[in-house]
C-alpha cells in the first residue's frame, strides 16, 4: 500500500460539518478518519456504500402516515378491529 498522503479540500455547510464532527467524535473518530472509511468502502464495493434515492412517499402514503400520527396523538380515534374492542374502547361492558 502506498503510504504517500495528500491534502484534500472540500466545501461544506458549517452546521453540517459541526454535526458530522460531533457524530464522528461519538463514534471515536475524526472527520478525516470518517471520510477515509467512506472512500475505502466506496472503492472496495465499487459504489457509494449506501442507497441514494429520490423515492418520496406518494400522497396516499403521506396521508396514511399522518392518520397514524393523529391516532397516536389521540386527535382521531383508533379504529376497532372488533365489536368487543370497540366496546372496550368506549368503556361499555358487553
PDB file of N, CA and C in Angstrom:
ATOM      1  N   UNK A   1       0.837  -1.173   0.000  1.00  0.00           N
ATOM      2  CA  UNK A   1       0.000   0.000   0.000  1.00  0.00           C
ATOM      3  C   UNK A   1       0.884   1.239   0.000  1.00  0.00           C
ATOM      4  N   UNK A   2       0.521   2.224  -0.786  1.00  0.00           N
ATOM      5  CA  UNK A   2       1.270   3.461  -0.889  1.00  0.00           C
ATOM      6  C   UNK A   2       1.035   4.303   0.363  1.00  0.00           C
ATOM      7  N   UNK A   3       2.118   4.718   1.030  1.00  0.00           N
ATOM      8  CA  UNK A   3       1.977   5.475   2.270  1.00  0.00           C
ATOM      9  C   UNK A   3       1.977   6.982   2.037  1.00  0.00           C
ATOM     10  N   UNK A   4       2.092   7.415   0.789  1.00  0.00           N
ATOM     11  CA  UNK A   4       2.072   8.842   0.489  1.00  0.00           C
ATOM     12  C   UNK A   4       0.655   9.383   0.704  1.00  0.00           C
ATOM     13  N   UNK A   5       0.558  10.516   1.378  1.00  0.00           N
ATOM     14  CA  UNK A   5      -0.747  11.130   1.610  1.00  0.00           C
ATOM     15  C   UNK A   5      -0.807  12.488   0.938  1.00  0.00           C
ATOM     16  N   UNK A   6      -2.019  12.953   0.700  1.00  0.00           N
ATOM     17  CA  UNK A   6      -2.228  14.274   0.121  1.00  0.00           C
ATOM     18  C   UNK A   6      -3.261  15.011   0.965  1.00  0.00           C
ATOM     19  N   UNK A   7      -3.301  16.311   0.829  1.00  0.00           N
ATOM     20  CA  UNK A   7      -4.341  17.109   1.460  1.00  0.00           C
ATOM     21  C   UNK A   7      -5.497  17.253   0.476  1.00  0.00           C
ATOM     22  N   UNK A   8      -6.703  17.238   1.002  1.00  0.00           N
ATOM     23  CA  UNK A   8      -7.907  17.361   0.188  1.00  0.00           C
ATOM     24  C   UNK A   8      -8.769  18.449   0.795  1.00  0.00           C
ATOM     25  N   UNK A   9      -9.211  19.393  -0.017  1.00  0.00           N
ATOM     26  CA  UNK A   9     -10.100  20.461   0.461  1.00  0.00           C
ATOM     27  C   UNK A   9     -11.498  20.229  -0.069  1.00  0.00           C
ATOM     28  N   UNK A  10     -12.482  20.353   0.819  1.00  0.00           N
ATOM     29  CA  UNK A  10     -13.876  20.264   0.381  1.00  0.00           C
ATOM     30  C   UNK A  10     -14.655  21.411   0.999  1.00  0.00           C
ATOM     31  N   UNK A  11     -15.719  21.815   0.342  1.00  0.00           N
ATOM     32  CA  UNK A  11     -16.608  22.843   0.876  1.00  0.00           C
ATOM     33  C   UNK A  11     -17.817  22.150   1.481  1.00  0.00           C
ATOM     34  N   UNK A  12     -18.219  22.633   2.658  1.00  0.00           N
ATOM     35  CA  UNK A  12     -19.341  22.019   3.358  1.00  0.00           C
ATOM     36  C   UNK A  12     -20.011  23.083   4.215  1.00  0.00           C
ATOM     37  N   UNK A  13     -21.316  22.974   4.349  1.00  0.00           N
ATOM     38  CA  UNK A  13     -22.070  23.849   5.231  1.00  0.00           C
ATOM     39  C   UNK A  13     -21.500  23.743   6.643  1.00  0.00           C
ATOM     40  N   UNK A  14     -21.306  24.884   7.304  1.00  0.00           N
ATOM     41  CA  UNK A  14     -20.683  24.917   8.630  1.00  0.00           C
ATOM     42  C   UNK A  14     -21.451  24.075   9.649  1.00  0.00           C
ATOM     43  N   UNK A  15     -22.773  24.212   9.662  1.00  0.00           N
ATOM     44  CA  UNK A  15     -23.589  23.462  10.620  1.00  0.00           C
ATOM     45  C   UNK A  15     -23.482  21.966  10.367  1.00  0.00           C
ATOM     46  N   UNK A  16     -23.519  21.562   9.098  1.00  0.00           N
ATOM     47  CA  UNK A  16     -23.387  20.151   8.750  1.00  0.00           C
ATOM     48  C   UNK A  16     -22.042  19.608   9.218  1.00  0.00           C
ATOM     49  N   UNK A  17     -20.982  20.393   9.014  1.00  0.00           N
ATOM     50  CA  UNK A  17     -19.643  19.965   9.442  1.00  0.00           C
ATOM     51  C   UNK A  17     -19.606  19.755  10.958  1.00  0.00           C
ATOM     52  N   UNK A  18     -20.197  20.687  11.698  1.00  0.00           N
ATOM     53  CA  UNK A  18     -20.208  20.568  13.155  1.00  0.00           C
ATOM     54  C   UNK A  18     -20.998  19.339  13.601  1.00  0.00           C
ATOM     55  N   UNK A  19     -22.137  19.094  12.956  1.00  0.00           N
ATOM     56  CA  UNK A  19     -22.947  17.917  13.289  1.00  0.00           C
ATOM     57  C   UNK A  19     -22.180  16.637  12.990  1.00  0.00           C
ATOM     58  N   UNK A  20     -21.511  16.611  11.840  1.00  0.00           N
ATOM     59  CA  UNK A  20     -20.732  15.433  11.465  1.00  0.00           C
ATOM     60  C   UNK A  20     -19.576  15.212  12.440  1.00  0.00           C
ATOM     61  N   UNK A  21     -18.880  16.284  12.797  1.00  0.00           N
ATOM     62  CA  UNK A  21     -17.770  16.152  13.742  1.00  0.00           C
ATOM     63  C   UNK A  21     -18.253  15.615  15.086  1.00  0.00           C
ATOM     64  N   UNK A  22     -19.410  16.084  15.550  1.00  0.00           N
ATOM     65  CA  UNK A  22     -19.965  15.584  16.807  1.00  0.00           C
ATOM     66  C   UNK A  22     -20.290  14.100  16.708  1.00  0.00           C
ATOM     67  N   UNK A  23     -20.936  13.694  15.612  1.00  0.00           N
ATOM     68  CA  UNK A  23     -21.271  12.282  15.412  1.00  0.00           C
ATOM     69  C   UNK A  23     -20.010  11.427  15.366  1.00  0.00           C
ATOM     70  N   UNK A  24     -19.052  11.834  14.538  1.00  0.00           N
ATOM     71  CA  UNK A  24     -17.839  11.040  14.382  1.00  0.00           C
ATOM     72  C   UNK A  24     -17.060  10.956  15.688  1.00  0.00           C
ATOM     73  N   UNK A  25     -17.076  12.031  16.448  1.00  0.00           N
ATOM     74  CA  UNK A  25     -16.409  12.022  17.753  1.00  0.00           C
ATOM     75  C   UNK A  25     -17.056  10.982  18.667  1.00  0.00           C
ATOM     76  N   UNK A  26     -18.390  10.933  18.661  1.00  0.00           N
ATOM     77  CA  UNK A  26     -19.088   9.919  19.463  1.00  0.00           C
ATOM     78  C   UNK A  26     -18.741   8.513  19.003  1.00  0.00           C
ATOM     79  N   UNK A  27     -18.434   8.367  17.720  1.00  0.00           N
ATOM     80  CA  UNK A  27     -18.058   7.060  17.176  1.00  0.00           C
ATOM     81  C   UNK A  27     -16.569   6.774  17.341  1.00  0.00           C
ATOM     82  N   UNK A  28     -15.849   7.725  17.950  1.00  0.00           N
ATOM     83  CA  UNK A  28     -14.427   7.507  18.225  1.00  0.00           C
ATOM     84  C   UNK A  28     -13.504   7.820  17.070  1.00  0.00           C
ATOM     85  N   UNK A  29     -13.930   8.695  16.176  1.00  0.00           N
ATOM     86  CA  UNK A  29     -13.069   9.058  15.054  1.00  0.00           C
ATOM     87  C   UNK A  29     -13.229  10.533  14.724  1.00  0.00           C
ATOM     88  N   UNK A  30     -12.309  11.044  13.929  1.00  0.00           N
ATOM     89  CA  UNK A  30     -12.409  12.425  13.474  1.00  0.00           C
ATOM     90  C   UNK A  30     -12.926  12.455  12.036  1.00  0.00           C
ATOM     91  N   UNK A  31     -13.095  13.650  11.505  1.00  0.00           N
ATOM     92  CA  UNK A  31     -13.639  13.805  10.151  1.00  0.00           C
ATOM     93  C   UNK A  31     -12.749  13.107   9.116  1.00  0.00           C
ATOM     94  N   UNK A  32     -11.434  13.247   9.234  1.00  0.00           N
ATOM     95  CA  UNK A  32     -10.515  12.629   8.281  1.00  0.00           C
ATOM     96  C   UNK A  32     -10.681  11.111   8.269  1.00  0.00           C
ATOM     97  N   UNK A  33     -10.735  10.510   9.448  1.00  0.00           N
ATOM     98  CA  UNK A  33     -10.899   9.062   9.532  1.00  0.00           C
ATOM     99  C   UNK A  33     -12.230   8.636   8.934  1.00  0.00           C
ATOM    100  N   UNK A  34     -13.302   9.359   9.263  1.00  0.00           N
ATOM    101  CA  UNK A  34     -14.631   9.018   8.748  1.00  0.00           C
ATOM    102  C   UNK A  34     -14.675   9.108   7.223  1.00  0.00           C
ATOM    103  N   UNK A  35     -14.095  10.155   6.671  1.00  0.00           N
ATOM    104  CA  UNK A  35     -14.085  10.296   5.207  1.00  0.00           C
ATOM    105  C   UNK A  35     -13.225   9.216   4.562  1.00  0.00           C
ATOM    106  N   UNK A  36     -12.113   8.846   5.208  1.00  0.00           N
ATOM    107  CA  UNK A  36     -11.295   7.747   4.689  1.00  0.00           C
ATOM    108  C   UNK A  36     -12.060   6.426   4.711  1.00  0.00           C
ATOM    109  N   UNK A  37     -12.836   6.184   5.775  1.00  0.00           N
ATOM    110  CA  UNK A  37     -13.666   4.973   5.851  1.00  0.00           C
ATOM    111  C   UNK A  37     -14.652   4.961   4.687  1.00  0.00           C
ATOM    112  N   UNK A  38     -15.315   6.104   4.464  1.00  0.00           N
ATOM    113  CA  UNK A  38     -16.285   6.204   3.363  1.00  0.00           C
ATOM    114  C   UNK A  38     -15.621   5.915   2.018  1.00  0.00           C
ATOM    115  N   UNK A  39     -14.484   6.553   1.748  1.00  0.00           N
ATOM    116  CA  UNK A  39     -13.815   6.377   0.458  1.00  0.00           C
ATOM    117  C   UNK A  39     -13.314   4.944   0.303  1.00  0.00           C
ATOM    118  N   UNK A  40     -12.747   4.355   1.349  1.00  0.00           N
ATOM    119  CA  UNK A  40     -12.278   2.965   1.265  1.00  0.00           C
ATOM    120  C   UNK A  40     -13.428   2.002   0.972  1.00  0.00           C
ATOM    121  N   UNK A  41     -14.551   2.201   1.648  1.00  0.00           N
ATOM    122  CA  UNK A  41     -15.721   1.344   1.396  1.00  0.00           C
ATOM    123  C   UNK A  41     -16.225   1.534  -0.036  1.00  0.00           C
ATOM    124  N   UNK A  42     -16.229   2.766  -0.518  1.00  0.00           N
ATOM    125  CA  UNK A  42     -16.663   3.036  -1.894  1.00  0.00           C
ATOM    126  C   UNK A  42     -15.789   2.296  -2.896  1.00  0.00           C
ATOM    127  N   UNK A  43     -14.476   2.377  -2.692  1.00  0.00           N
ATOM    128  CA  UNK A  43     -13.535   1.707  -3.596  1.00  0.00           C
ATOM    129  C   UNK A  43     -13.687   0.194  -3.474  1.00  0.00           C
ATOM    130  N   UNK A  44     -13.791  -0.298  -2.248  1.00  0.00           N
ATOM    131  CA  UNK A  44     -13.909  -1.742  -2.006  1.00  0.00           C
ATOM    132  C   UNK A  44     -15.160  -2.315  -2.663  1.00  0.00           C
ATOM    133  N   UNK A  45     -16.299  -1.584  -2.547  1.00  0.00           N
ATOM    134  CA  UNK A  45     -17.565  -2.081  -3.082  1.00  0.00           C
ATOM    135  C   UNK A  45     -17.797  -1.671  -4.533  1.00  0.00           C
ATOM    136  N   UNK A  46     -17.024  -0.719  -5.019  1.00  0.00           N
ATOM    137  CA  UNK A  46     -17.200  -0.244  -6.388  1.00  0.00           C
ATOM    138  C   UNK A  46     -18.478   0.575  -6.553  1.00  0.00           C
ATOM    139  N   UNK A  47     -18.912   1.212  -5.465  1.00  0.00           N
ATOM    140  CA  UNK A  47     -20.136   2.022  -5.498  1.00  0.00           C
ATOM    141  C   UNK A  47     -20.197   2.873  -4.239  1.00  0.00           C
ATOM    142  N   UNK A  48     -21.164   3.780  -4.209  1.00  0.00           N
ATOM    143  CA  UNK A  48     -21.439   4.507  -2.970  1.00  0.00           C
ATOM    144  C   UNK A  48     -21.963   3.457  -1.989  1.00  0.00           C
ATOM    145  N   UNK A  49     -21.431   3.378  -0.777  1.00  0.00           N
ATOM    146  CA  UNK A  49     -21.779   2.275   0.123  1.00  0.00           C
ATOM    147  C   UNK A  49     -23.125   2.409   0.844  1.00  0.00           C
ATOM    148  N   UNK A  50     -24.025   3.176   0.289  1.00  0.00           N
ATOM    149  CA  UNK A  50     -25.390   3.279   0.812  1.00  0.00           C
ATOM    150  C   UNK A  50     -26.279   3.722  -0.324  1.00  0.00           C
ATOM    151  N   UNK A  51     -27.572   3.538  -0.158  1.00  0.00           N
ATOM    152  CA  UNK A  51     -28.524   3.872  -1.212  1.00  0.00           C
ATOM    153  C   UNK A  51     -28.738   5.376  -1.283  1.00  0.00           C
ATOM    154  N   UNK A  52     -28.710   5.907  -2.491  1.00  0.00           N
ATOM    155  CA  UNK A  52     -29.052   7.303  -2.747  1.00  0.00           C
ATOM    156  C   UNK A  52     -30.298   7.265  -3.617  1.00  0.00           C
ATOM    157  N   UNK A  53     -31.352   7.884  -3.135  1.00  0.00           N
ATOM    158  CA  UNK A  53     -32.629   7.728  -3.814  1.00  0.00           C
ATOM    159  C   UNK A  53     -33.448   9.003  -3.767  1.00  0.00           C
ATOM    160  N   UNK A  54     -34.240   9.213  -4.803  1.00  0.00           N
ATOM    161  CA  UNK A  54     -35.200  10.306  -4.819  1.00  0.00           C
ATOM    162  C   UNK A  54     -36.593   9.800  -4.509  1.00  0.00           C
ATOM    163  N   UNK A  55     -36.691   8.527  -4.124  1.00  0.00           N
ATOM    164  CA  UNK A  55     -38.002   7.971  -3.815  1.00  0.00           C
ATOM    165  C   UNK A  55     -38.630   8.740  -2.668  1.00  0.00           C
ATOM    166  N   UNK A  56     -39.790   9.298  -2.933  1.00  0.00           N
ATOM    167  CA  UNK A  56     -40.533  10.033  -1.921  1.00  0.00           C
ATOM    168  C   UNK A  56     -41.893   9.382  -1.791  1.00  0.00           C
ATOM    169  N   UNK A  57     -42.457   9.347  -0.599  1.00  0.00           N
ATOM    170  CA  UNK A  57     -43.783   8.758  -0.452  1.00  0.00           C
ATOM    171  C   UNK A  57     -44.823   9.550  -1.245  1.00  0.00           C
ATOM    172  N   UNK A  58     -45.776   8.816  -1.827  1.00  0.00           N
ATOM    173  CA  UNK A  58     -46.835   9.491  -2.577  1.00  0.00           C
ATOM    174  C   UNK A  58     -47.863  10.078  -1.615  1.00  0.00           C
ATOM    175  N   UNK A  59     -48.829  10.804  -2.152  1.00  0.00           N
ATOM    176  CA  UNK A  59     -49.827  11.491  -1.322  1.00  0.00           C
ATOM    177  C   UNK A  59     -50.616  10.514  -0.454  1.00  0.00           C
ATOM    178  N   UNK A  60     -50.953   9.339  -0.997  1.00  0.00           N
ATOM    179  CA  UNK A  60     -51.715   8.343  -0.241  1.00  0.00           C
ATOM    180  C   UNK A  60     -50.909   7.840   0.967  1.00  0.00           C
ATOM    181  N   UNK A  61     -49.630   7.570   0.749  1.00  0.00           N
ATOM    182  CA  UNK A  61     -48.776   7.107   1.839  1.00  0.00           C
ATOM    183  C   UNK A  61     -48.605   8.192   2.892  1.00  0.00           C
ATOM    184  N   UNK A  62     -48.397   9.438   2.452  1.00  0.00           N
ATOM    185  CA  UNK A  62     -48.263  10.546   3.395  1.00  0.00           C
ATOM    186  C   UNK A  62     -49.533  10.716   4.220  1.00  0.00           C
ATOM    187  N   UNK A  63     -50.708  10.570   3.572  1.00  0.00           N
ATOM    188  CA  UNK A  63     -51.983  10.684   4.286  1.00  0.00           C
ATOM    189  C   UNK A  63     -52.115   9.569   5.320  1.00  0.00           C
ATOM    190  N   UNK A  64     -51.710   8.352   4.962  1.00  0.00           N
ATOM    191  CA  UNK A  64     -51.786   7.218   5.891  1.00  0.00           C
ATOM    192  C   UNK A  64     -50.854   7.438   7.083  1.00  0.00           C
ATOM    193  N   UNK A  65     -49.656   7.938   6.827  1.00  0.00           N
ATOM    194  CA  UNK A  65     -48.713   8.218   7.911  1.00  0.00           C
ATOM    195  C   UNK A  65     -49.250   9.304   8.836  1.00  0.00           C
ATOM    196  N   UNK A  66     -49.871  10.326   8.252  1.00  0.00           N
ATOM    197  CA  UNK A  66     -50.472  11.402   9.053  1.00  0.00           C
ATOM    198  C   UNK A  66     -51.604  10.852   9.910  1.00  0.00           C
ATOM    199  N   UNK A  67     -52.411   9.959   9.344  1.00  0.00           N
ATOM    200  CA  UNK A  67     -53.516   9.354  10.094  1.00  0.00           C
ATOM    201  C   UNK A  67     -52.980   8.563  11.294  1.00  0.00           C
ATOM    202  N   UNK A  68     -51.918   7.819  11.090  1.00  0.00           N
ATOM    203  CA  UNK A  68     -51.316   7.050  12.176  1.00  0.00           C
ATOM    204  C   UNK A  68     -50.802   7.992  13.266  1.00  0.00           C
ATOM    205  N   UNK A  69     -50.119   9.062  12.850  1.00  0.00           N
ATOM    206  CA  UNK A  69     -49.618  10.037  13.832  1.00  0.00           C
ATOM    207  C   UNK A  69     -50.777  10.647  14.619  1.00  0.00           C
ATOM    208  N   UNK A  70     -51.870  10.982  13.924  1.00  0.00           N
ATOM    209  CA  UNK A  70     -53.040  11.561  14.586  1.00  0.00           C
ATOM    210  C   UNK A  70     -53.669  10.570  15.564  1.00  0.00           C
ATOM    211  N   UNK A  71     -53.725   9.292  15.181  1.00  0.00           N
ATOM    212  CA  UNK A  71     -54.271   8.264  16.070  1.00  0.00           C
ATOM    213  C   UNK A  71     -53.419   8.148  17.330  1.00  0.00           C
ATOM    214  N   UNK A  72     -52.103   8.128  17.143  1.00  0.00           N
ATOM    215  CA  UNK A  72     -51.196   8.015  18.297  1.00  0.00           C
ATOM    216  C   UNK A  72     -51.315   9.226  19.212  1.00  0.00           C
ATOM    217  N   UNK A  73     -51.579  10.387  18.627  1.00  0.00           N
ATOM    218  CA  UNK A  73     -51.689  11.617  19.405  1.00  0.00           C
ATOM    219  C   UNK A  73     -53.079  11.794  20.004  1.00  0.00           C
ATOM    220  N   UNK A  74     -54.026  10.897  19.637  1.00  0.00           N
ATOM    221  CA  UNK A  74     -55.383  10.979  20.162  1.00  0.00           C
ATOM    222  C   UNK A  74     -56.243  12.000  19.450  1.00  0.00           C
ATOM    223  N   UNK A  75     -55.765  12.533  18.326  1.00  0.00           N
ATOM    224  CA  UNK A  75     -56.527  13.528  17.568  1.00  0.00           C
ATOM    225  C   UNK A  75     -57.727  12.870  16.885  1.00  0.00           C
ATOM    226  N   UNK A  76     -57.519  11.671  16.371  1.00  0.00           N
ATOM    227  CA  UNK A  76     -58.635  10.904  15.809  1.00  0.00           C
ATOM    228  C   UNK A  76     -58.641   9.538  16.490  1.00  0.00           C
ATOM    229  N   UNK A  77     -59.816   8.989  16.722  1.00  0.00           N
ATOM    230  CA  UNK A  77     -59.877   7.708  17.432  1.00  0.00           C
ATOM    231  C   UNK A  77     -59.336   6.562  16.590  1.00  0.00           C
ATOM    232  N   UNK A  78     -58.777   5.587  17.267  1.00  0.00           N
ATOM    233  CA  UNK A  78     -58.315   4.370  16.600  1.00  0.00           C
ATOM    234  C   UNK A  78     -59.523   3.580  16.133  1.00  0.00           C
ATOM    235  N   UNK A  79     -59.374   2.858  15.047  1.00  0.00           N
ATOM    236  CA  UNK A  79     -60.448   2.007  14.566  1.00  0.00           C
ATOM    237  C   UNK A  79     -60.368   0.665  15.280  1.00  0.00           C
ATOM    238  N   UNK A  80     -61.490   0.222  15.793  1.00  0.00           N
ATOM    239  CA  UNK A  80     -61.546  -1.066  16.490  1.00  0.00           C
ATOM    240  C   UNK A  80     -61.572  -2.197  15.475  1.00  0.00           C
ATOM    241  N   UNK A  81     -60.923  -3.300  15.812  1.00  0.00           N
ATOM    242  CA  UNK A  81     -60.896  -4.449  14.908  1.00  0.00           C
ATOM    243  C   UNK A  81     -62.073  -5.396  15.165  1.00  0.00           C
ATOM    244  N   UNK A  82     -62.798  -5.164  16.271  1.00  0.00           N
ATOM    245  CA  UNK A  82     -63.964  -5.992  16.557  1.00  0.00           C
ATOM    246  C   UNK A  82     -64.947  -5.185  17.399  1.00  0.00           C
ATOM    247  N   UNK A  83     -66.162  -5.701  17.526  1.00  0.00           N
ATOM    248  CA  UNK A  83     -67.164  -5.031  18.354  1.00  0.00           C
ATOM    249  C   UNK A  83     -66.705  -5.011  19.806  1.00  0.00           C
ATOM    250  N   UNK A  84     -66.104  -6.099  20.258  1.00  0.00           N
ATOM    251  CA  UNK A  84     -65.619  -6.173  21.637  1.00  0.00           C
ATOM    252  C   UNK A  84     -64.554  -5.106  21.890  1.00  0.00           C
ATOM    253  N   UNK A  85     -63.618  -4.928  20.923  1.00  0.00           N
ATOM    254  CA  UNK A  85     -62.597  -3.898  21.064  1.00  0.00           C
ATOM    255  C   UNK A  85     -63.226  -2.507  21.081  1.00  0.00           C
ATOM    256  N   UNK A  86     -64.231  -2.307  20.230  1.00  0.00           N
ATOM    257  CA  UNK A  86     -64.924  -1.025  20.183  1.00  0.00           C
ATOM    258  C   UNK A  86     -65.599  -0.737  21.523  1.00  0.00           C
ATOM    259  N   UNK A  87     -66.293  -1.731  22.050  1.00  0.00           N
ATOM    260  CA  UNK A  87     -66.985  -1.561  23.331  1.00  0.00           C
ATOM    261  C   UNK A  87     -65.975  -1.245  24.432  1.00  0.00           C
ATOM    262  N   UNK A  88     -64.856  -1.948  24.425  1.00  0.00           N
ATOM    263  CA  UNK A  88     -63.819  -1.718  25.429  1.00  0.00           C
ATOM    264  C   UNK A  88     -63.273  -0.291  25.303  1.00  0.00           C
ATOM    265  N   UNK A  89     -63.039   0.139  24.069  1.00  0.00           N
ATOM    266  CA  UNK A  89     -62.529   1.481  23.798  1.00  0.00           C
ATOM    267  C   UNK A  89     -63.514   2.552  24.290  1.00  0.00           C
ATOM    268  N   UNK A  90     -64.826   2.237  24.204  1.00  0.00           N
ATOM    269  CA  UNK A  90     -65.862   3.185  24.601  1.00  0.00           C
ATOM    270  C   UNK A  90     -66.197   3.052  26.101  1.00  0.00           C
ATOM    271  N   UNK A  91     -65.618   2.046  26.746  1.00  0.00           N
ATOM    272  CA  UNK A  91     -65.874   1.840  28.162  1.00  0.00           C
ATOM    273  C   UNK A  91     -67.219   1.182  28.432  1.00  0.00           C
ATOM    274  N   UNK A  92     -67.723   0.398  27.476  1.00  0.00           N
ATOM    275  CA  UNK A  92     -69.021  -0.264  27.583  1.00  0.00           C
ATOM    276  C   UNK A  92     -68.800  -1.740  27.849  1.00  0.00           C
ATOM    277  N   UNK A  93     -69.549  -2.287  28.804  1.00  0.00           N
ATOM    278  CA  UNK A  93     -69.500  -3.731  29.088  1.00  0.00           C
ATOM    279  C   UNK A  93     -70.484  -4.444  28.171  1.00  0.00           C
ATOM    280  N   UNK A  94     -70.090  -5.507  27.533  1.00  0.00           N
ATOM    281  CA  UNK A  94     -70.977  -6.307  26.684  1.00  0.00           C
ATOM    282  C   UNK A  94     -71.513  -7.495  27.452  1.00  0.00           C
TER     283      UNK A  94
END
